[in-house]
Amino acid sequence: MFNKDNWILGMLIGFLLPVIVYFLLILVLMPYGQVEGVIYTPRPKIPFLVAVVSNLFPFRFYMVSKKKDRTGRGILLVTFVMILIYFMIF
């Protein structure tokens, strides 16, 4: 499945990896004084930015190692959209 060279796979990887990394970071950074499931971080910018930067690893892997240009472009497209969302929110 991950050996295909298409935009959809790249966009799927580019979206799912940052979401997973973001929620893992939130779980690690969540304070012990949690109130009824409310997720609170003192600086919400940092986990979001680290999650978006995590797309660099699969992007480089698909562009350099695998030579799958369309998949890499899909990852890059989603990364640019997430960075635009970052600048609009913060």
Protein backbone atom coordinates (compact mmCIF):
# COMPACT_ATOMS: atom_id res chain seq x y z
CA MET A 1 0.00 0.00 0.00
CA PHE A 2 2.76 2.48 0.86
CA ASN A 3 4.67 1.76 -2.38
CA LYS A 4 2.08 3.50 -4.58
CA ASP A 5 2.95 6.82 -6.15
CA ASN A 6 -0.17 8.95 -5.98
CA TRP A 7 -1.40 12.19 -4.47
CA ILE A 8 -4.11 10.59 -2.31
CA LEU A 9 -1.63 8.43 -0.41
CA GLY A 10 0.61 11.45 0.14
CA MET A 11 -2.26 13.57 1.42
CA LEU A 12 -3.39 10.74 3.69
CA ILE A 13 0.10 10.32 5.17
CA GLY A 14 0.53 14.10 5.38
CA PHE A 15 -2.70 14.44 7.35
CA LEU A 16 -2.64 11.38 9.61
CA LEU A 17 0.96 11.60 10.82
CA PRO A 18 0.65 15.14 12.27
CA VAL A 19 -2.70 14.29 13.86
CA ILE A 20 -1.19 11.26 15.60
CA VAL A 21 1.92 13.19 16.67
CA TYR A 22 -0.23 16.08 17.95
CA PHE A 23 -2.37 13.86 20.16
CA LEU A 24 0.68 11.97 21.45
CA LEU A 25 2.30 15.28 22.38
CA ILE A 26 -0.88 16.46 24.07
CA LEU A 27 -0.99 13.26 26.11
CA VAL A 28 2.63 13.69 27.17
CA LEU A 29 2.31 17.40 27.96
CA MET A 30 -1.09 17.17 29.67
CA PRO A 31 -0.86 18.26 33.29
CA TYR A 32 -1.90 15.89 36.04
CA GLY A 33 -4.59 18.30 37.25
CA GLN A 34 -6.91 17.50 34.37
CA VAL A 35 -10.52 18.58 34.86
CA GLU A 36 -13.14 16.18 33.41
CA GLY A 37 -11.32 15.36 30.20
CA VAL A 38 -10.51 18.94 29.20
CA ILE A 39 -7.21 19.02 27.37
CA TYR A 40 -5.15 22.04 28.36
CA THR A 41 -1.65 22.97 27.38
CA PRO A 42 -0.07 26.24 28.44
CA ARG A 43 1.25 26.83 24.90
CA PRO A 44 -0.93 25.14 22.24
CA LYS A 45 1.32 26.46 19.46
CA ILE A 46 4.25 24.17 20.20
CA PRO A 47 2.55 20.74 19.81
CA PHE A 48 0.82 21.89 16.62
CA LEU A 49 4.08 23.15 15.12
CA VAL A 50 6.01 20.00 16.09
CA ALA A 51 3.25 17.88 14.56
CA VAL A 52 3.43 19.81 11.28
CA VAL A 53 7.23 19.55 11.21
CA SER A 54 6.94 15.78 11.63
CA ASN A 55 5.85 15.67 7.96
CA LEU A 56 9.42 16.41 6.89
CA PHE A 57 10.54 12.85 7.61
CA PRO A 58 8.09 10.99 5.36
CA PHE A 59 8.43 13.74 2.74
CA ARG A 60 12.18 13.23 2.51
CA PHE A 61 11.77 9.45 2.60
CA TYR A 62 9.36 9.41 -0.34
CA MET A 63 11.19 12.05 -2.40
CA VAL A 64 14.79 10.87 -1.94
CA SER A 65 14.76 7.20 -0.95
CA LYS A 66 11.68 5.88 -2.72
CA LYS A 67 11.67 8.31 -5.70
CA LYS A 68 7.88 8.66 -5.40
CA ASP A 69 7.31 12.25 -6.48
CA ARG A 70 3.52 12.32 -6.43
CA THR A 71 3.31 10.92 -2.90
CA GLY A 72 5.91 13.45 -1.73
CA ARG A 73 3.97 16.26 -3.37
CA GLY A 74 0.80 15.17 -1.59
CA ILE A 75 2.61 15.28 1.76
CA LEU A 76 4.02 18.71 0.89
CA LEU A 77 0.58 20.02 -0.12
CA VAL A 78 -0.99 19.02 3.19
CA THR A 79 2.00 20.46 5.06
CA PHE A 80 1.54 23.84 3.35
CA VAL A 81 -2.18 23.83 4.17
CA MET A 82 -1.41 23.05 7.81
CA ILE A 83 1.15 25.85 7.97
CA LEU A 84 -1.42 28.28 6.54
CA ILE A 85 -3.89 27.13 9.19
CA TYR A 86 -1.20 27.64 11.84
CA PHE A 87 -0.65 31.25 10.75
CA MET A 88 -4.39 31.95 10.61
CA ILE A 89 -5.04 30.55 14.09
CA PHE A 90 -1.96 31.81 15.92
